[in-house]
C-alpha atoms as a PDB file:
ATOM      1  CA  MET A   1     -61.666 -30.431  11.777  1.00  0.00           C
ATOM      2  CA  PRO A   2     -63.227 -30.126  15.329  1.00  0.00           C
ATOM      3  CA  VAL A   3     -63.114 -26.952  17.017  1.00  0.00           C
ATOM      4  CA  CYS A   4     -62.759 -25.961  20.662  1.00  0.00           C
ATOM      5  CA  ASP A   5     -65.055 -24.213  22.456  1.00  0.00           C
ATOM      6  CA  VAL A   6     -63.476 -23.153  25.637  1.00  0.00           C
ATOM      7  CA  CYS A   7     -62.506 -19.395  24.721  1.00  0.00           C
ATOM      8  CA  PHE A   8     -62.863 -17.145  22.265  1.00  0.00           C
ATOM      9  CA  ARG A   9     -59.999 -18.492  20.149  1.00  0.00           C
ATOM     10  CA  HIS A  10     -62.243 -21.225  18.796  1.00  0.00           C
ATOM     11  CA  CYS A  11     -58.915 -22.978  17.886  1.00  0.00           C
ATOM     12  CA  LYS A  12     -59.483 -25.508  14.854  1.00  0.00           C
ATOM     13  CA  ILE A  13     -57.406 -28.580  15.705  1.00  0.00           C
ATOM     14  CA  GLU A  14     -56.085 -31.474  13.716  1.00  0.00           C
ATOM     15  CA  GLU A  15     -55.762 -35.063  15.044  1.00  0.00           C
ATOM     16  CA  GLY A  16     -52.786 -35.154  17.533  1.00  0.00           C
ATOM     17  CA  SER A  17     -51.975 -31.348  18.002  1.00  0.00           C
ATOM     18  CA  THR A  18     -53.144 -28.723  20.534  1.00  0.00           C
ATOM     19  CA  GLY A  19     -54.590 -25.237  20.145  1.00  0.00           C
ATOM     20  CA  PHE A  20     -53.030 -22.268  20.994  1.00  0.00           C
ATOM     21  CA  CYS A  21     -53.270 -22.582  24.736  1.00  0.00           C
ATOM     22  CA  GLY A  22     -51.202 -25.901  24.357  1.00  0.00           C
ATOM     23  CA  VAL A  23     -53.740 -27.875  26.337  1.00  0.00           C
ATOM     24  CA  ARG A  24     -56.693 -28.307  24.207  1.00  0.00           C
ATOM     25  CA  ALA A  25     -55.952 -31.584  21.895  1.00  0.00           C
ATOM     26  CA  CYS A  26     -57.657 -33.371  19.295  1.00  0.00           C
ATOM     27  CA  VAL A  27     -57.774 -37.551  20.222  1.00  0.00           C
ATOM     28  CA  GLU A  28     -59.707 -39.401  18.005  1.00  0.00           C
ATOM     29  CA  GLY A  29     -61.554 -36.579  16.642  1.00  0.00           C
ATOM     30  CA  GLN A  30     -62.619 -35.152  19.793  1.00  0.00           C
ATOM     31  CA  ILE A  31     -61.599 -32.083  21.989  1.00  0.00           C
ATOM     32  CA  VAL A  32     -59.869 -33.084  25.283  1.00  0.00           C
ATOM     33  CA  SER A  33     -57.657 -31.728  28.031  1.00  0.00           C
ATOM     34  CA  ALA A  34     -54.137 -32.842  27.353  1.00  0.00           C
ATOM     35  CA  ASN A  35     -53.055 -31.645  30.771  1.00  0.00           C
ATOM     36  CA  TYR A  36     -55.944 -33.902  32.799  1.00  0.00           C
ATOM     37  CA  GLY A  37     -54.226 -34.537  36.371  1.00  0.00           C
ATOM     38  CA  CYS A  38     -50.756 -33.125  35.477  1.00  0.00           C
ATOM     39  CA  LEU A  39     -49.642 -31.272  38.233  1.00  0.00           C
ATOM     40  CA  THR A  40     -46.422 -28.759  37.862  1.00  0.00           C
ATOM     41  CA  ALA A  41     -46.854 -27.187  41.210  1.00  0.00           C
ATOM     42  CA  LEU A  42     -48.446 -28.474  44.968  1.00  0.00           C
ATOM     43  CA  ALA A  43     -48.799 -26.082  47.716  1.00  0.00           C
ATOM     44  CA  LEU A  44     -50.292 -25.578  50.951  1.00  0.00           C
ATOM     45  CA  ASP A  45     -50.766 -21.695  50.803  1.00  0.00           C
ATOM     46  CA  PRO A  46     -52.212 -19.011  52.841  1.00  0.00           C
ATOM     47  CA  ILE A  47     -55.753 -18.215  51.260  1.00  0.00           C
ATOM     48  CA  GLU A  48     -54.597 -14.486  51.090  1.00  0.00           C
ATOM     49  CA  LYS A  49     -51.999 -15.229  48.285  1.00  0.00           C
ATOM     50  CA  LYS A  50     -54.779 -16.354  46.066  1.00  0.00           C
ATOM     51  CA  PRO A  51     -55.526 -13.280  46.838  1.00  0.00           C
ATOM     52  CA  LEU A  52     -58.749 -13.686  48.819  1.00  0.00           C
ATOM     53  CA  LYS A  53     -59.307 -10.982  51.497  1.00  0.00           C
ATOM     54  CA  MET A  54     -63.089 -11.770  52.140  1.00  0.00           C
ATOM     55  CA  PHE A  55     -63.326 -15.436  52.081  1.00  0.00           C
ATOM     56  CA  ARG A  56     -62.558 -17.961  54.880  1.00  0.00           C
ATOM     57  CA  PRO A  57     -59.419 -15.447  56.017  1.00  0.00           C
ATOM     58  CA  GLY A  58     -56.887 -16.961  57.829  1.00  0.00           C
ATOM     59  CA  ALA A  59     -56.802 -20.179  56.208  1.00  0.00           C
ATOM     60  CA  LYS A  60     -54.823 -22.221  54.195  1.00  0.00           C
ATOM     61  CA  ILE A  61     -55.935 -23.908  50.897  1.00  0.00           C
ATOM     62  CA  LEU A  62     -54.168 -26.965  48.811  1.00  0.00           C
ATOM     63  CA  SER A  63     -53.145 -25.113  45.459  1.00  0.00           C
ATOM     64  CA  VAL A  64     -52.581 -27.260  42.530  1.00  0.00           C
ATOM     65  CA  GLY A  65     -51.269 -26.103  38.860  1.00  0.00           C
ATOM     66  CA  SER A  66     -50.694 -27.667  35.770  1.00  0.00           C
ATOM     67  CA  TYR A  67     -49.390 -25.982  32.628  1.00  0.00           C
ATOM     68  CA  GLY A  68     -50.407 -24.092  29.619  1.00  0.00           C
ATOM     69  CA  CYS A  69     -52.740 -20.655  29.197  1.00  0.00           C
ATOM     70  CA  ASN A  70     -54.780 -19.279  26.392  1.00  0.00           C
ATOM     71  CA  LEU A  71     -53.287 -15.679  27.133  1.00  0.00           C
ATOM     72  CA  ARG A  72     -49.905 -14.102  26.248  1.00  0.00           C
ATOM     73  CA  CYS A  73     -49.183 -11.662  28.804  1.00  0.00           C
ATOM     74  CA  PRO A  74     -45.227 -10.654  28.572  1.00  0.00           C
ATOM     75  CA  PHE A  75     -45.649  -9.696  32.224  1.00  0.00           C
ATOM     76  CA  CYS A  76     -46.569 -13.582  33.622  1.00  0.00           C
ATOM     77  CA  GLN A  77     -45.274 -14.224  36.757  1.00  0.00           C
ATOM     78  CA  ASN A  78     -45.745 -17.863  35.920  1.00  0.00           C
ATOM     79  CA  SER A  79     -44.185 -18.131  32.823  1.00  0.00           C
ATOM     80  CA  GLY A  80     -42.350 -21.114  33.443  1.00  0.00           C
ATOM     81  CA  ILE A  81     -45.807 -23.112  33.624  1.00  0.00           C
ATOM     82  CA  SER A  82     -47.727 -20.925  31.550  1.00  0.00           C
ATOM     83  CA  TRP A  83     -46.704 -20.428  28.199  1.00  0.00           C
ATOM     84  CA  SER A  84     -42.575 -20.133  28.140  1.00  0.00           C
ATOM     85  CA  GLN A  85     -40.787 -22.787  26.066  1.00  0.00           C
ATOM     86  CA  LYS A  86     -40.388 -24.365  29.307  1.00  0.00           C
ATOM     87  CA  ALA A  87     -44.134 -24.718  30.252  1.00  0.00           C
ATOM     88  CA  PHE A  88     -45.018 -27.102  27.312  1.00  0.00           C
ATOM     89  CA  GLU A  89     -41.879 -29.200  28.266  1.00  0.00           C
ATOM     90  CA  TYR A  90     -44.218 -30.344  31.129  1.00  0.00           C
ATOM     91  CA  LYS A  91     -46.486 -32.185  28.801  1.00  0.00           C
ATOM     92  CA  ASP A  92     -44.049 -35.054  29.207  1.00  0.00           C
ATOM     93  CA  MET A  93     -42.513 -34.238  32.727  1.00  0.00           C
ATOM     94  CA  SER A  94     -45.193 -33.693  35.123  1.00  0.00           C
ATOM     95  CA  GLU A  95     -47.126 -36.151  36.968  1.00  0.00           C
ATOM     96  CA  ARG A  96     -50.547 -37.397  36.597  1.00  0.00           C
ATOM     97  CA  HIS A  97     -52.657 -37.415  39.418  1.00  0.00           C
ATOM     98  CA  SER A  98     -56.398 -38.718  39.446  1.00  0.00           C
ATOM     99  CA  PRO A  99     -59.086 -36.289  41.219  1.00  0.00           C
ATOM    100  CA  GLN A 100     -59.632 -38.487  44.128  1.00  0.00           C
ATOM    101  CA  GLU A 101     -55.594 -38.614  44.898  1.00  0.00           C
ATOM    102  CA  ILE A 102     -55.750 -34.480  44.854  1.00  0.00           C
ATOM    103  CA  VAL A 103     -59.161 -34.588  47.359  1.00  0.00           C
ATOM    104  CA  THR A 104     -57.338 -37.418  49.783  1.00  0.00           C
ATOM    105  CA  ALA A 105     -54.560 -34.993  50.018  1.00  0.00           C
ATOM    106  CA  ALA A 106     -56.675 -32.162  50.721  1.00  0.00           C
ATOM    107  CA  LEU A 107     -58.136 -34.093  53.668  1.00  0.00           C
ATOM    108  CA  ASP A 108     -54.822 -35.453  54.976  1.00  0.00           C
ATOM    109  CA  LEU A 109     -53.968 -31.540  55.251  1.00  0.00           C
ATOM    110  CA  ARG A 110     -57.006 -30.527  57.418  1.00  0.00           C
ATOM    111  CA  ALA A 111     -55.573 -30.497  60.754  1.00  0.00           C
ATOM    112  CA  GLN A 112     -52.879 -28.241  59.245  1.00  0.00           C
ATOM    113  CA  GLY A 113     -55.912 -25.593  58.589  1.00  0.00           C
ATOM    114  CA  ASN A 114     -56.563 -26.672  54.891  1.00  0.00           C
ATOM    115  CA  ILE A 115     -59.923 -26.181  53.746  1.00  0.00           C
ATOM    116  CA  GLY A 116     -59.979 -27.320  50.628  1.00  0.00           C
ATOM    117  CA  VAL A 117     -58.657 -27.247  46.960  1.00  0.00           C
ATOM    118  CA  ALA A 118     -57.391 -23.987  44.967  1.00  0.00           C
ATOM    119  CA  PHE A 119     -56.867 -24.035  41.166  1.00  0.00           C
ATOM    120  CA  THR A 120     -54.332 -21.795  40.662  1.00  0.00           C
ATOM    121  CA  TYR A 121     -50.720 -21.333  39.175  1.00  0.00           C
ATOM    122  CA  ASN A 122     -51.425 -21.575  35.183  1.00  0.00           C
ATOM    123  CA  GLU A 123     -54.837 -20.990  33.847  1.00  0.00           C
ATOM    124  CA  PRO A 124     -57.289 -23.659  35.198  1.00  0.00           C
ATOM    125  CA  LEU A 125     -60.262 -23.170  32.945  1.00  0.00           C
ATOM    126  CA  ILE A 126     -58.370 -24.651  29.979  1.00  0.00           C
ATOM    127  CA  GLY A 127     -58.252 -27.827  31.476  1.00  0.00           C
ATOM    128  CA  TYR A 128     -61.956 -27.435  33.253  1.00  0.00           C
ATOM    129  CA  GLU A 129     -62.576 -31.229  33.159  1.00  0.00           C
ATOM    130  CA  PHE A 130     -59.831 -31.891  35.895  1.00  0.00           C
ATOM    131  CA  VAL A 131     -61.497 -28.634  37.884  1.00  0.00           C
ATOM    132  CA  ARG A 132     -64.916 -30.091  37.466  1.00  0.00           C
ATOM    133  CA  ASP A 133     -64.099 -33.435  38.640  1.00  0.00           C
ATOM    134  CA  THR A 134     -61.789 -32.508  41.499  1.00  0.00           C
ATOM    135  CA  ALA A 135     -63.962 -29.968  42.907  1.00  0.00           C
ATOM    136  CA  LYS A 136     -66.873 -32.051  42.682  1.00  0.00           C
ATOM    137  CA  LEU A 137     -65.141 -34.735  44.970  1.00  0.00           C
ATOM    138  CA  SER A 138     -64.072 -32.329  47.139  1.00  0.00           C
ATOM    139  CA  LYS A 139     -67.271 -30.532  47.797  1.00  0.00           C
ATOM    140  CA  GLU A 140     -68.751 -34.044  48.510  1.00  0.00           C
ATOM    141  CA  ALA A 141     -65.933 -34.894  51.189  1.00  0.00           C
ATOM    142  CA  GLY A 142     -67.323 -31.291  52.522  1.00  0.00           C
ATOM    143  CA  MET A 143     -64.315 -29.040  51.282  1.00  0.00           C
ATOM    144  CA  GLN A 144     -64.579 -25.818  49.567  1.00  0.00           C
ATOM    145  CA  ASN A 145     -63.179 -24.909  46.322  1.00  0.00           C
ATOM    146  CA  VAL A 146     -61.418 -21.808  45.042  1.00  0.00           C
ATOM    147  CA  LEU A 147     -60.227 -20.707  41.419  1.00  0.00           C
ATOM    148  CA  VAL A 148     -57.918 -18.183  40.416  1.00  0.00           C
ATOM    149  CA  THR A 149     -58.428 -17.326  36.704  1.00  0.00           C
ATOM    150  CA  ASN A 150     -58.063 -14.880  33.838  1.00  0.00           C
ATOM    151  CA  GLY A 151     -61.752 -15.296  33.402  1.00  0.00           C
ATOM    152  CA  THR A 152     -61.050 -16.030  29.593  1.00  0.00           C
ATOM    153  CA  ALA A 153     -63.650 -18.787  28.986  1.00  0.00           C
ATOM    154  CA  THR A 154     -66.904 -19.413  27.544  1.00  0.00           C
ATOM    155  CA  LEU A 155     -70.099 -19.269  30.003  1.00  0.00           C
ATOM    156  CA  LYS A 156     -70.585 -23.209  28.922  1.00  0.00           C
ATOM    157  CA  VAL A 157     -67.179 -23.712  31.017  1.00  0.00           C
ATOM    158  CA  LEU A 158     -68.147 -21.812  33.858  1.00  0.00           C
ATOM    159  CA  ASP A 159     -71.562 -23.691  33.895  1.00  0.00           C
ATOM    160  CA  GLN A 160     -69.598 -27.029  34.051  1.00  0.00           C
ATOM    161  CA  ILE A 161     -67.753 -25.640  37.319  1.00  0.00           C
ATOM    162  CA  ALA A 162     -69.799 -23.105  38.806  1.00  0.00           C
ATOM    163  CA  PRO A 163     -71.805 -25.743  41.152  1.00  0.00           C
ATOM    164  CA  TYR A 164     -68.745 -26.945  42.769  1.00  0.00           C
ATOM    165  CA  ILE A 165     -66.586 -23.637  43.148  1.00  0.00           C
ATOM    166  CA  ASP A 166     -67.033 -21.562  46.213  1.00  0.00           C
ATOM    167  CA  ALA A 167     -64.620 -18.462  45.481  1.00  0.00           C
ATOM    168  CA  MET A 168     -62.795 -17.253  42.802  1.00  0.00           C
ATOM    169  CA  ASN A 169     -60.263 -14.497  42.267  1.00  0.00           C
ATOM    170  CA  ILE A 170     -60.475 -13.202  38.653  1.00  0.00           C
ATOM    171  CA  ASP A 171     -57.865 -11.134  36.916  1.00  0.00           C
ATOM    172  CA  LEU A 172     -59.300  -7.692  35.124  1.00  0.00           C
ATOM    173  CA  LYS A 173     -56.133  -7.150  33.819  1.00  0.00           C
ATOM    174  CA  ALA A 174     -57.128  -3.431  32.518  1.00  0.00           C
ATOM    175  CA  PHE A 175     -60.338  -1.861  31.337  1.00  0.00           C
ATOM    176  CA  SER A 176     -59.565  -1.528  27.796  1.00  0.00           C
ATOM    177  CA  ALA A 177     -60.083  -3.607  24.733  1.00  0.00           C
ATOM    178  CA  ASP A 178     -56.918  -2.360  23.508  1.00  0.00           C
ATOM    179  CA  PHE A 179     -55.048  -3.664  26.334  1.00  0.00           C
ATOM    180  CA  TYR A 180     -56.257  -6.931  26.048  1.00  0.00           C
ATOM    181  CA  ARG A 181     -55.962  -7.327  22.395  1.00  0.00           C
ATOM    182  CA  ASN A 182     -52.466  -5.749  21.662  1.00  0.00           C
ATOM    183  CA  PHE A 183     -50.791  -6.426  25.220  1.00  0.00           C
ATOM    184  CA  SER A 184     -52.405  -9.845  26.783  1.00  0.00           C
ATOM    185  CA  ASP A 185     -53.871 -11.164  23.275  1.00  0.00           C
ATOM    186  CA  GLY A 186     -56.878 -11.896  24.958  1.00  0.00           C
ATOM    187  CA  ASP A 187     -60.680 -10.647  24.653  1.00  0.00           C
ATOM    188  CA  PHE A 188     -61.976  -8.173  26.894  1.00  0.00           C
ATOM    189  CA  GLU A 189     -65.787  -8.714  26.341  1.00  0.00           C
ATOM    190  CA  MET A 190     -65.454 -12.268  27.188  1.00  0.00           C
ATOM    191  CA  THR A 191     -63.655 -11.540  30.330  1.00  0.00           C
ATOM    192  CA  LYS A 192     -66.361  -9.065  31.518  1.00  0.00           C
ATOM    193  CA  ASP A 193     -68.894 -11.439  30.354  1.00  0.00           C
ATOM    194  CA  PHE A 194     -67.275 -14.191  32.408  1.00  0.00           C
ATOM    195  CA  ILE A 195     -66.968 -11.848  35.551  1.00  0.00           C
ATOM    196  CA  ALA A 196     -70.401 -10.784  35.254  1.00  0.00           C
ATOM    197  CA  ALA A 197     -71.761 -14.281  35.450  1.00  0.00           C
ATOM    198  CA  ALA A 198     -69.213 -15.461  38.023  1.00  0.00           C
ATOM    199  CA  VAL A 199     -70.472 -12.703  40.767  1.00  0.00           C
ATOM    200  CA  ARG A 200     -73.791 -14.512  40.447  1.00  0.00           C
ATOM    201  CA  SER A 201     -72.406 -17.706  41.625  1.00  0.00           C
ATOM    202  CA  CYS A 202     -70.174 -17.810  44.051  1.00  0.00           C
ATOM    203  CA  HIS A 203     -67.974 -15.172  45.868  1.00  0.00           C
ATOM    204  CA  VAL A 204     -65.621 -13.371  43.416  1.00  0.00           C
ATOM    205  CA  GLU A 205     -62.708 -10.912  44.130  1.00  0.00           C
ATOM    206  CA  LEU A 206     -60.958  -9.191  41.074  1.00  0.00           C
ATOM    207  CA  THR A 207     -56.901  -8.157  40.470  1.00  0.00           C
ATOM    208  CA  THR A 208     -55.819  -5.821  38.523  1.00  0.00           C
ATOM    209  CA  LEU A 209     -52.048  -5.672  38.137  1.00  0.00           C
ATOM    210  CA  ILE A 210     -50.973  -1.899  37.401  1.00  0.00           C
ATOM    211  CA  ILE A 211     -48.326  -1.383  34.812  1.00  0.00           C
ATOM    212  CA  PRO A 212     -46.420   1.923  34.357  1.00  0.00           C
ATOM    213  CA  GLY A 213     -47.711   3.386  31.018  1.00  0.00           C
ATOM    214  CA  GLN A 214     -50.318   0.943  30.151  1.00  0.00           C
ATOM    215  CA  ASN A 215     -53.384   0.785  32.684  1.00  0.00           C
ATOM    216  CA  ASP A 216     -52.244   3.512  35.286  1.00  0.00           C
ATOM    217  CA  THR A 217     -54.440   6.463  34.573  1.00  0.00           C
ATOM    218  CA  GLU A 218     -57.225   7.711  37.120  1.00  0.00           C
ATOM    219  CA  GLU A 219     -59.597   7.874  34.115  1.00  0.00           C
ATOM    220  CA  GLU A 220     -59.241   3.837  33.399  1.00  0.00           C
ATOM    221  CA  MET A 221     -59.446   2.814  37.066  1.00  0.00           C
ATOM    222  CA  ARG A 222     -62.416   5.280  37.614  1.00  0.00           C
ATOM    223  CA  ALA A 223     -64.148   3.614  34.462  1.00  0.00           C
ATOM    224  CA  LEU A 224     -63.104   0.247  35.916  1.00  0.00           C
ATOM    225  CA  ALA A 225     -64.437   0.768  39.643  1.00  0.00           C
ATOM    226  CA  ALA A 226     -67.682   2.034  38.071  1.00  0.00           C
ATOM    227  CA  TRP A 227     -68.357  -1.235  36.159  1.00  0.00           C
ATOM    228  CA  VAL A 228     -67.680  -3.203  39.246  1.00  0.00           C
ATOM    229  CA  ALA A 229     -69.979  -1.223  41.036  1.00  0.00           C
ATOM    230  CA  GLY A 230     -72.758  -1.673  38.436  1.00  0.00           C
ATOM    231  CA  LEU A 231     -72.175  -5.573  39.183  1.00  0.00           C
ATOM    232  CA  GLU A 232     -72.514  -5.052  42.668  1.00  0.00           C
ATOM    233  CA  LYS A 233     -75.890  -3.507  42.234  1.00  0.00           C
ATOM    234  CA  GLN A 234     -77.099  -6.652  39.879  1.00  0.00           C
ATOM    235  CA  CYS A 235     -76.070  -9.395  42.121  1.00  0.00           C
ATOM    236  CA  GLY A 236     -76.437  -7.785  45.697  1.00  0.00           C
ATOM    237  CA  LYS A 237     -72.935  -8.608  46.521  1.00  0.00           C
ATOM    238  CA  LYS A 238     -69.752  -6.978  47.469  1.00  0.00           C
ATOM    239  CA  ILE A 239     -67.004  -7.413  44.870  1.00  0.00           C
ATOM    240  CA  PRO A 240     -63.554  -6.714  46.585  1.00  0.00           C
ATOM    241  CA  LEU A 241     -60.777  -5.212  44.337  1.00  0.00           C
ATOM    242  CA  HIS A 242     -56.974  -5.717  44.653  1.00  0.00           C
ATOM    243  CA  ILE A 243     -54.830  -2.854  42.793  1.00  0.00           C
ATOM    244  CA  THR A 244     -51.597  -4.371  42.523  1.00  0.00           C
ATOM    245  CA  ARG A 245     -48.030  -3.448  42.019  1.00  0.00           C
ATOM    246  CA  PHE A 246     -46.218  -4.524  39.028  1.00  0.00           C
ATOM    247  CA  PHE A 247     -42.458  -5.737  38.885  1.00  0.00           C
ATOM    248  CA  PRO A 248     -40.432  -6.282  35.981  1.00  0.00           C
ATOM    249  CA  THR A 249     -40.392  -9.906  35.166  1.00  0.00           C
ATOM    250  CA  PHE A 250     -40.600 -12.245  32.020  1.00  0.00           C
ATOM    251  CA  LYS A 251     -40.604 -10.334  28.929  1.00  0.00           C
ATOM    252  CA  LEU A 252     -41.516  -6.937  30.441  1.00  0.00           C
ATOM    253  CA  THR A 253     -38.420  -5.816  32.063  1.00  0.00           C
ATOM    254  CA  ASP A 254     -38.134  -2.127  30.001  1.00  0.00           C
ATOM    255  CA  ARG A 255     -39.686  -0.483  32.806  1.00  0.00           C
ATOM    256  CA  GLY A 256     -39.350  -0.151  36.473  1.00  0.00           C
ATOM    257  CA  PRO A 257     -41.899  -1.468  39.158  1.00  0.00           C
ATOM    258  CA  THR A 258     -45.150   0.568  39.728  1.00  0.00           C
ATOM    259  CA  PRO A 259     -44.318   3.291  42.207  1.00  0.00           C
ATOM    260  CA  VAL A 260     -46.267   2.771  45.337  1.00  0.00           C
ATOM    261  CA  PRO A 261     -47.830   6.457  45.230  1.00  0.00           C
ATOM    262  CA  THR A 262     -49.401   5.539  41.949  1.00  0.00           C
ATOM    263  CA  ILE A 263     -51.008   2.404  43.799  1.00  0.00           C
ATOM    264  CA  MET A 264     -52.220   4.135  46.812  1.00  0.00           C
ATOM    265  CA  ARG A 265     -53.775   6.958  44.487  1.00  0.00           C
ATOM    266  CA  LEU A 266     -55.349   4.443  42.372  1.00  0.00           C
ATOM    267  CA  VAL A 267     -57.079   2.856  45.400  1.00  0.00           C
ATOM    268  CA  GLU A 268     -58.561   6.149  46.451  1.00  0.00           C
ATOM    269  CA  VAL A 269     -60.009   6.728  43.061  1.00  0.00           C
ATOM    270  CA  ALA A 270     -61.457   2.917  43.257  1.00  0.00           C
ATOM    271  CA  LYS A 271     -62.991   3.665  46.647  1.00  0.00           C
ATOM    272  CA  GLU A 272     -64.938   6.666  45.148  1.00  0.00           C
ATOM    273  CA  ASN A 273     -67.319   3.501  43.454  1.00  0.00           C
ATOM    274  CA  LEU A 274     -66.545   0.681  45.855  1.00  0.00           C
ATOM    275  CA  GLU A 275     -66.295  -0.341  49.394  1.00  0.00           C
ATOM    276  CA  PHE A 276     -63.303  -3.040  49.542  1.00  0.00           C
ATOM    277  CA  VAL A 277     -60.383  -1.630  47.666  1.00  0.00           C
ATOM    278  CA  PHE A 278     -57.065  -3.625  48.460  1.00  0.00           C
ATOM    279  CA  ALA A 279     -53.480  -2.570  47.818  1.00  0.00           C
ATOM    280  CA  GLY A 280     -51.094  -5.513  47.042  1.00  0.00           C
ATOM    281  CA  ASN A 281     -47.590  -5.810  46.681  1.00  0.00           C
ATOM    282  CA  VAL A 282     -46.809  -2.687  48.525  1.00  0.00           C
END
């Protein structure tokens, strides 16, 4: 039975079925992306919305999204296209677009300040083939490409897209293997490895959503910031960190929003090690 090599799950996928993410599929004995060209979202966004603070500030970017995700965060802000039951209905509902169609649309929007294409909203790496093909054409057309990702993918996947990506915002959801394993159903070490490799290939900014009672201690933030500072020394680049406020959503409505003073306190803790730390959603 074919085995998917996109992330740590290494799903064994039967003919005509999909893996955990709902996207990697077995077709004629080969693992392919079932959501290739399937768009569930298309919008011209300020680049700060990704969020990117230190890459082309003031610019706009054409943001595209599909369906599916390889994590199961109960606090998902895009559950409608990521992993709720509704998300997988898009398999039959979403429109398919070629990479060239996306690039043509991006070029048409240059007069409105568009600088390129952002792959976002759901998890783009589970459909990396479409990211690779579209970003390559976009780069050849003189535009720039952005990836917004959970960073839960093999370095083989990163190698496929890295030549065409100019900037990434990567979720570092916590600095705890227990959080990743028990709360997001993810892989902490794979995410760290992906981030460590990505910072050597393009501009990277990180985002950590602070959830009350889960990842909101000063000790954890101090450890996270120290690790990022170590990456800065290795790659010789500054890595901005966004510390973002949680609001109850999806399956996590048993607690209130993160108190603003908590966010501001953790920003100051992170600044003990990092130069560029931003408070989000405050």
